[in-house]
Protein backbone atom coordinates (compact mmCIF):
# COMPACT_ATOMS: atom_id res chain seq x y z
CA MET A 1 -23.39 -25.12 14.05
CA MET A 2 -21.79 -21.58 11.73
CA LYS A 3 -23.13 -18.31 12.37
CA ARG A 4 -25.09 -16.75 9.66
CA THR A 5 -25.62 -12.71 8.93
CA ALA A 6 -28.63 -10.91 8.56
CA LEU A 7 -28.03 -11.24 5.02
CA TYR A 8 -27.63 -14.48 4.32
CA GLU A 9 -30.53 -15.56 2.33
CA GLN A 10 -30.31 -12.91 0.24
CA HIS A 11 -26.18 -14.15 -0.68
CA ILE A 12 -27.89 -16.77 -0.99
CA LYS A 13 -30.21 -15.47 -4.11
CA LEU A 14 -27.58 -13.68 -5.41
CA ASN A 15 -25.84 -17.23 -5.90
CA ALA A 16 -22.72 -16.72 -3.72
CA LYS A 17 -20.16 -18.85 -3.02
CA MET A 18 -20.34 -19.92 0.74
CA VAL A 19 -17.40 -20.57 3.36
CA GLU A 20 -16.74 -20.57 6.39
CA PHE A 21 -14.51 -17.36 7.92
CA ALA A 22 -14.52 -16.82 11.90
CA GLY A 23 -17.48 -19.44 12.79
CA TYR A 24 -19.90 -17.77 10.14
CA GLU A 25 -21.13 -18.57 7.22
CA MET A 26 -19.94 -15.83 4.65
CA PRO A 27 -19.36 -15.23 0.87
CA VAL A 28 -16.05 -15.67 -0.57
CA GLN A 29 -17.22 -14.80 -4.44
CA TYR A 30 -20.87 -14.49 -6.36
CA SER A 31 -18.84 -13.68 -9.68
CA THR A 32 -15.36 -13.90 -9.82
CA ILE A 33 -12.74 -12.51 -7.40
CA LYS A 34 -11.17 -10.91 -10.20
CA GLU A 35 -14.09 -9.40 -11.47
CA GLU A 36 -15.49 -8.15 -7.92
CA HIS A 37 -12.15 -6.61 -7.21
CA HIS A 38 -11.86 -4.70 -10.82
CA ALA A 39 -15.41 -3.05 -9.77
CA VAL A 40 -14.11 -1.62 -6.64
CA ARG A 41 -10.98 -0.19 -7.67
CA HIS A 42 -12.37 1.09 -10.79
CA LYS A 43 -16.72 1.48 -10.05
CA ALA A 44 -18.23 -0.03 -6.49
CA GLY A 45 -18.70 -2.85 -4.86
CA VAL A 46 -20.72 -3.72 -1.60
CA PHE A 47 -19.33 -6.28 1.26
CA ASP A 48 -21.77 -8.02 3.58
CA VAL A 49 -19.42 -7.34 6.81
CA SER A 50 -21.37 -8.24 9.70
CA HIS A 51 -19.49 -10.53 11.04
CA MET A 52 -16.76 -7.89 12.54
CA GLY A 53 -17.65 -6.90 16.35
CA GLU A 54 -18.34 -4.05 17.99
CA ILE A 55 -17.56 -3.10 21.75
CA ARG A 56 -18.42 0.04 23.59
CA ALA A 57 -16.31 1.46 26.45
CA VAL A 58 -18.14 4.01 28.30
CA GLY A 59 -17.87 5.40 31.70
CA PRO A 60 -15.91 8.45 33.35
CA GLU A 61 -12.17 7.06 32.36
CA ALA A 62 -13.38 5.51 29.18
CA THR A 63 -10.65 7.95 27.42
CA GLU A 64 -7.56 7.27 29.95
CA PHE A 65 -8.70 3.23 29.87
CA MET A 66 -8.40 3.89 26.24
CA ASP A 67 -4.76 5.38 26.02
CA TYR A 68 -3.97 2.52 28.71
CA VAL A 69 -4.94 -0.50 26.22
CA PHE A 70 -4.53 1.36 22.61
CA THR A 71 -1.11 2.02 20.96
CA ASN A 72 -2.63 5.35 19.21
CA SER A 73 -4.07 8.28 21.01
CA VAL A 74 -7.62 8.53 21.19
CA HIS A 75 -7.43 11.74 23.83
CA SER A 76 -6.27 14.27 21.74
CA ALA A 77 -8.97 13.04 18.66
CA ARG A 78 -11.46 15.17 17.80
CA ALA A 79 -15.52 14.30 18.99
CA ASN A 80 -16.77 11.54 15.18
CA GLN A 81 -13.13 10.73 14.62
CA VAL A 82 -12.13 6.91 13.85
CA VAL A 83 -8.46 6.26 15.30
CA TYR A 84 -6.45 3.34 14.10
CA GLY A 85 -4.46 1.44 16.03
CA PHE A 86 -3.76 -2.13 18.38
CA LEU A 87 -4.13 -3.63 21.64
CA THR A 88 -0.22 -5.13 22.06
CA GLN A 89 0.74 -7.58 24.75
CA GLU A 90 3.37 -6.77 27.28
CA ASP A 91 6.11 -7.53 24.22
CA GLY A 92 4.92 -5.83 21.74
CA GLY A 93 2.90 -8.57 19.89
CA VAL A 94 -0.73 -8.11 19.11
CA VAL A 95 -3.47 -8.93 20.51
CA ASP A 96 -5.38 -7.47 17.49
CA ASP A 97 -6.03 -4.20 15.66
CA PHE A 98 -9.15 -2.26 15.10
CA LEU A 99 -11.09 1.10 14.85
CA ALA A 100 -11.68 2.73 17.68
CA TYR A 101 -14.89 5.67 16.73
CA LYS A 102 -14.81 7.85 19.29
CA ILE A 103 -18.36 9.53 20.05
CA ASN A 104 -17.11 11.90 23.21
CA GLU A 105 -14.78 11.52 25.89
CA ARG A 106 -16.96 9.00 28.25
CA ASN A 107 -18.01 6.88 25.08
CA TYR A 108 -16.32 4.91 22.53
CA TRP A 109 -17.38 2.36 19.92
CA LEU A 110 -14.82 -0.55 18.65
CA VAL A 111 -14.75 -2.09 14.94
CA VAL A 112 -12.49 -5.69 16.32
CA ASN A 113 -11.95 -8.63 13.75
CA ALA A 114 -14.53 -11.17 13.68
CA ALA A 115 -12.02 -14.40 14.81
CA ASN A 116 -10.85 -12.05 17.47
CA LYS A 117 -13.57 -10.46 19.17
CA ASP A 118 -14.17 -12.74 21.66
CA LYS A 119 -10.66 -12.71 23.31
CA ASP A 120 -10.86 -8.51 22.56
CA TYR A 121 -13.35 -8.66 24.84
CA ALA A 122 -11.77 -11.10 27.70
CA TRP A 123 -8.74 -9.00 27.20
CA LEU A 124 -10.45 -5.64 27.53
CA LEU A 125 -12.53 -6.82 30.36
CA LYS A 126 -8.71 -8.05 32.59
CA HIS A 127 -7.75 -4.57 32.22
CA ALA A 128 -10.45 -2.71 33.09
CA VAL A 129 -10.78 -3.55 36.47
CA ASP A 130 -8.70 -0.47 37.36
CA PHE A 131 -10.73 2.24 35.90
CA ASP A 132 -13.98 3.70 36.06
CA VAL A 133 -15.87 2.41 32.52
CA GLU A 134 -17.39 -0.71 31.67
CA ILE A 135 -16.82 -2.75 28.53
CA ILE A 136 -19.93 -3.93 26.87
CA ASP A 137 -20.28 -6.57 24.09
CA GLU A 138 -22.65 -5.14 21.05
CA SER A 139 -22.08 -7.31 18.55
CA ASN A 140 -25.19 -8.85 17.99
CA ARG A 141 -27.02 -5.99 17.47
CA TYR A 142 -25.90 -4.35 14.40
CA SER A 143 -25.07 -5.65 10.57
CA GLU A 144 -22.45 -3.54 9.00
CA ILE A 145 -21.52 -3.51 5.11
CA ALA A 146 -18.77 -1.64 3.27
CA LEU A 147 -19.97 0.07 -0.16
CA GLN A 148 -16.43 0.48 -1.81
CA GLY A 149 -15.14 2.20 -4.48
CA PRO A 150 -14.62 5.29 -6.36
CA LEU A 151 -18.18 5.43 -7.07
CA ALA A 152 -19.15 4.83 -3.53
CA GLU A 153 -19.85 8.56 -3.00
CA THR A 154 -21.74 9.33 -5.83
CA MET A 155 -23.94 5.97 -4.82
CA LEU A 156 -24.77 6.94 -1.32
CA GLN A 157 -25.49 10.57 -1.78
CA MET A 158 -28.71 9.05 -3.77
CA HIS A 159 -29.76 7.61 -0.32
CA THR A 160 -29.27 10.12 2.00
CA THR A 161 -30.04 14.15 2.11
CA TYR A 162 -26.49 14.37 4.16
CA ASP A 163 -23.55 15.73 2.80
CA LEU A 164 -21.31 13.01 2.08
CA SER A 165 -18.65 15.27 0.56
CA SER A 166 -18.17 17.15 3.93
CA MET A 167 -17.32 13.97 5.65
CA LYS A 168 -13.67 13.35 6.01
CA PRO A 169 -11.50 10.32 5.81
CA PHE A 170 -11.28 8.71 8.76
CA THR A 171 -14.32 10.51 10.70
CA PHE A 172 -18.30 9.44 10.99
CA ASP A 173 -22.02 10.91 12.01
CA GLU A 174 -25.05 9.21 12.19
CA ILE A 175 -27.03 9.24 9.17
CA THR A 176 -30.25 9.28 7.52
CA LEU A 177 -29.97 6.66 4.52
CA ASP A 178 -33.76 5.60 2.71
CA ASP A 179 -35.61 6.82 6.00
CA ALA A 180 -33.31 5.08 8.29
CA GLY A 181 -31.03 5.11 10.98
CA PHE A 182 -27.20 4.23 10.69
CA THR A 183 -23.94 5.12 11.61
CA VAL A 184 -21.76 5.47 8.70
CA SER A 185 -17.58 6.08 8.14
CA ARG A 186 -15.79 7.07 5.43
CA THR A 187 -13.77 4.59 6.47
CA GLY A 188 -12.35 1.13 4.98
CA TYR A 189 -10.39 -2.04 3.82
CA THR A 190 -9.23 -1.62 -0.01
CA GLY A 191 -7.62 1.39 -0.76
CA GLU A 192 -10.23 2.96 -2.50
CA ASP A 193 -12.64 5.48 -0.90
CA GLY A 194 -16.02 4.33 0.79
CA PHE A 195 -17.51 4.11 3.67
CA GLU A 196 -18.25 1.28 6.70
CA ILE A 197 -22.43 1.47 7.52
CA TYR A 198 -23.95 0.54 10.79
CA GLY A 199 -27.25 -0.35 11.47
CA ASN A 200 -29.93 -2.94 12.75
CA HIS A 201 -30.38 -6.00 10.94
CA ASP A 202 -34.10 -5.09 9.63
CA ASP A 203 -32.41 -1.83 8.45
CA ILE A 204 -29.02 -3.48 6.88
CA LYS A 205 -30.85 -6.09 4.98
CA LEU A 206 -33.70 -3.54 3.16
CA LEU A 207 -30.79 -1.22 2.82
CA PHE A 208 -27.57 -3.87 1.14
CA LYS A 209 -31.53 -4.78 -1.59
CA HIS A 210 -31.57 -1.01 -2.36
CA LEU A 211 -28.05 -0.04 -3.05
CA LEU A 212 -28.08 -3.20 -5.53
CA VAL A 213 -31.28 -2.60 -7.00
CA ASP A 214 -30.75 1.14 -7.66
CA HIS A 215 -26.70 1.34 -9.07
CA ASP A 216 -26.62 -1.16 -12.29
CA ASP A 217 -22.04 0.00 -11.79
CA LEU A 218 -22.85 -1.79 -8.31
CA ILE A 219 -21.73 -6.16 -7.50
CA PRO A 220 -22.03 -7.63 -4.52
CA CYS A 221 -18.61 -8.59 -3.35
CA GLY A 222 -17.41 -11.10 -1.26
CA LEU A 223 -14.19 -11.99 1.18
CA GLY A 224 -11.62 -13.32 -2.29
CA ALA A 225 -11.91 -9.45 -3.11
CA ARG A 226 -11.75 -8.41 0.09
CA ASP A 227 -8.16 -10.21 0.63
CA THR A 228 -6.61 -9.18 -2.75
CA LEU A 229 -7.90 -6.04 -2.66
CA ARG A 230 -6.07 -5.59 0.95
CA TYR A 231 -3.29 -6.96 0.35
CA GLU A 232 -2.56 -4.77 -2.64
CA VAL A 233 -2.41 -1.73 -0.52
CA ALA A 234 -0.03 -3.17 2.76
CA LEU A 235 -3.42 -2.85 4.88
CA PRO A 236 -2.56 -6.30 7.44
CA LEU A 237 -4.75 -8.99 8.51
CA TYR A 238 -4.59 -10.70 11.77
CA GLY A 239 -2.64 -13.78 11.80
CA HIS A 240 -0.58 -12.59 8.30
CA GLU A 241 1.04 -9.56 8.37
CA ILE A 242 0.45 -8.68 12.53
CA SER A 243 0.02 -11.11 15.24
CA GLU A 244 0.77 -12.25 18.68
CA THR A 245 4.78 -12.65 17.33
CA ILE A 246 4.86 -9.84 15.28
CA THR A 247 5.13 -6.26 16.62
CA PRO A 248 2.90 -3.06 14.97
CA LEU A 249 6.78 -1.71 14.34
CA GLU A 250 7.39 -4.97 12.11
CA ALA A 251 4.24 -4.64 10.13
CA GLY A 252 4.75 -0.95 9.59
CA TYR A 253 2.56 0.58 11.81
CA LYS A 254 4.40 2.94 13.48
CA PHE A 255 2.22 5.91 13.04
CA ALA A 256 -0.18 4.20 15.03
CA VAL A 257 1.70 3.98 17.95
CA ASP A 258 1.74 7.42 19.72
CA PHE A 259 5.31 6.91 21.92
CA ASN A 260 4.20 10.42 23.59
CA LYS A 261 2.11 8.64 25.73
CA PRO A 262 2.90 7.99 29.37
CA SER A 263 1.73 4.48 29.34
CA PHE A 264 0.14 1.48 27.03
CA ILE A 265 0.72 -1.67 27.30
CA GLY A 266 3.54 -3.05 25.72
CA ARG A 267 4.90 0.21 25.08
CA GLU A 268 8.73 -0.52 26.89
CA ALA A 269 9.22 -3.22 24.72
CA LEU A 270 8.01 -1.52 22.20
CA ILE A 271 10.23 1.60 22.74
CA LYS A 272 13.07 -0.95 23.09
CA GLN A 273 12.18 -2.60 19.83
CA LYS A 274 12.19 1.20 17.80
CA GLU A 275 15.81 1.59 19.97
CA VAL A 276 17.52 -1.03 19.77
CA GLY A 277 16.38 -1.27 15.48
CA LEU A 278 14.16 -3.53 13.77
CA THR A 279 15.34 -7.48 13.13
CA ARG A 280 12.44 -8.05 10.76
CA ARG A 281 10.02 -6.02 8.88
CA ILE A 282 6.88 -6.87 6.52
CA VAL A 283 8.32 -5.84 2.57
CA GLY A 284 6.63 -5.96 -0.71
CA LEU A 285 7.83 -9.09 -2.82
CA GLU A 286 7.60 -9.50 -6.97
CA ILE A 287 7.81 -12.85 -7.82
CA LYS A 288 9.92 -13.06 -10.89
CA ASP A 289 9.39 -16.61 -11.97
CA LYS A 290 6.43 -18.45 -13.25
CA GLY A 291 3.99 -19.18 -9.91
CA ILE A 292 2.23 -17.18 -6.91
CA ALA A 293 3.87 -17.46 -3.51
CA ARG A 294 1.44 -18.32 -0.80
CA ASP A 295 0.98 -17.37 3.00
CA GLY A 296 4.07 -19.78 4.57
CA ALA A 297 6.04 -20.05 1.78
CA GLU A 298 9.77 -19.69 3.08
CA VAL A 299 12.29 -16.83 1.91
CA PHE A 300 15.54 -17.39 1.28
CA LYS A 301 18.78 -15.54 0.15
CA ASP A 302 21.42 -18.06 -1.01
CA GLU A 303 20.89 -20.83 1.12
CA THR A 304 19.43 -18.76 4.30
CA LYS A 305 16.28 -18.96 5.33
CA ILE A 306 15.36 -15.36 5.77
CA GLY A 307 11.38 -15.20 6.56
CA HIS A 308 8.66 -16.28 5.22
CA VAL A 309 5.87 -15.00 2.86
CA THR A 310 2.45 -13.71 4.98
CA THR A 311 0.12 -13.21 1.76
CA GLY A 312 0.69 -13.95 -1.74
CA TYR A 313 -1.18 -13.67 -5.08
CA MET A 314 -1.07 -12.94 -8.91
CA SER A 315 -2.20 -9.07 -8.16
CA PRO A 316 -5.41 -8.82 -10.31
CA SER A 317 -4.43 -4.86 -10.34
CA MET A 318 -0.87 -5.21 -11.48
CA GLY A 319 -1.01 -8.48 -13.50
CA LYS A 320 1.92 -9.95 -11.20
CA ALA A 321 2.39 -12.34 -8.79
CA LEU A 322 3.38 -9.98 -5.40
CA ALA A 323 3.71 -10.76 -2.04
CA LEU A 324 4.08 -9.57 1.40
CA ALA A 325 6.61 -11.12 3.42
CA LEU A 326 8.19 -10.66 7.08
CA ILE A 327 11.85 -10.57 6.49
CA ASP A 328 14.77 -10.18 7.91
CA THR A 329 17.10 -7.57 7.44
CA PRO A 330 19.40 -6.32 6.29
CA TYR A 331 17.91 -8.49 3.37
CA ASP A 332 14.39 -5.90 3.34
CA LYS A 333 15.96 -2.90 1.28
CA ARG A 334 14.23 -2.54 -1.98
CA GLY A 335 16.21 -4.50 -4.53
CA THR A 336 16.93 -7.25 -3.11
CA ALA A 337 16.98 -10.39 -4.70
CA VAL A 338 15.55 -13.60 -2.82
CA SER A 339 14.11 -17.09 -3.54
CA ILE A 340 10.88 -18.58 -2.56
CA LYS A 341 10.64 -21.56 -1.92
CA VAL A 342 7.35 -23.24 -3.42
CA ARG A 343 6.13 -26.83 -3.17
CA LYS A 344 9.86 -28.64 -4.57
CA ARG A 345 10.69 -25.31 -6.63
CA MET A 346 12.51 -21.81 -5.69
CA LEU A 347 11.16 -19.01 -7.56
CA GLU A 348 13.67 -15.61 -8.14
CA ALA A 349 12.30 -12.90 -6.02
CA GLU A 350 12.56 -9.17 -5.85
CA VAL A 351 11.87 -6.89 -2.46
CA ILE A 352 10.00 -4.09 -3.60
CA LYS A 353 7.97 -1.60 -1.52
CA LYS A 354 4.84 -2.83 0.76
CA LYS A 355 2.53 -1.06 -0.67
CA LEU A 356 2.41 -2.94 -4.13
CA LEU A 357 -0.17 -1.35 -5.82
CA GLN A 358 1.22 1.44 -7.92
CA LYS A 359 -1.53 3.52 -10.03
């Protein structure tokens, strides 16, 4: 039986189209994906992301543990800073990507992907045995909404006395909104400014309702727009641009791998990959012919298969058929002409920069 978030009844009242995602019954759209996408790009949208997982790593050796299992550095991060990075296997493949919230040196809060939270929890428990740290799955305690778009700060400021302009990107704080306490971070998955807001289930239900009632320019958005928004700015989706067989370096996320740390799981494999050179990487594609290339479509150079599409849509912002794809070198250079097999057709395409959206 599918799980439901605390906001399920509100989704039904808002006439959302519900689908299964990561074991949850979630809204894929309320109006149209295109309308919701443009709302976030130009005004603001609010998403239910309560299906995400929250795991706490707490104890005297929490920082040492995190620096061992996490590709990015947390020991150099400040309190109330959010750090993006990966859990990687010994071979460099990705177990998951997530945000690590540093409360202090002994307390980290990890927000992980919904589909991977059980796997992540088991992975963290397995590797915690050599550290003085406790791993606690807190996923059932929290609901989460994401307020995203150029008007997000202005809208949320109306619900708090906290000066939101003082909150820098990738930081968080405990904030009172409409007389209730929440953890709020200036993060998101859309390429726009915005906030991710965590609280108990009842408080999130009230805040979600208040936001929609109080702001005429705000609309609810579903998983469909969340996917088109993130792909335009090349934010990876697990199982597509990153996976157990696609490394952070191949995905273009070298900045989230701190090779200066003396040890972390997967370090040697990723160092070797960096030194030898990538044999494939995620790139952008612009489809020149009429048609859309979806996930899994094979990419060719002449008669040779050189990769596959990881995500593809008609970009709502650009009005073009664009895609992200994992391509063999040396065909990953911008301007390279390739073709994509879509059913029985071969669509002509060109390699472009990975960040598809050009503002």
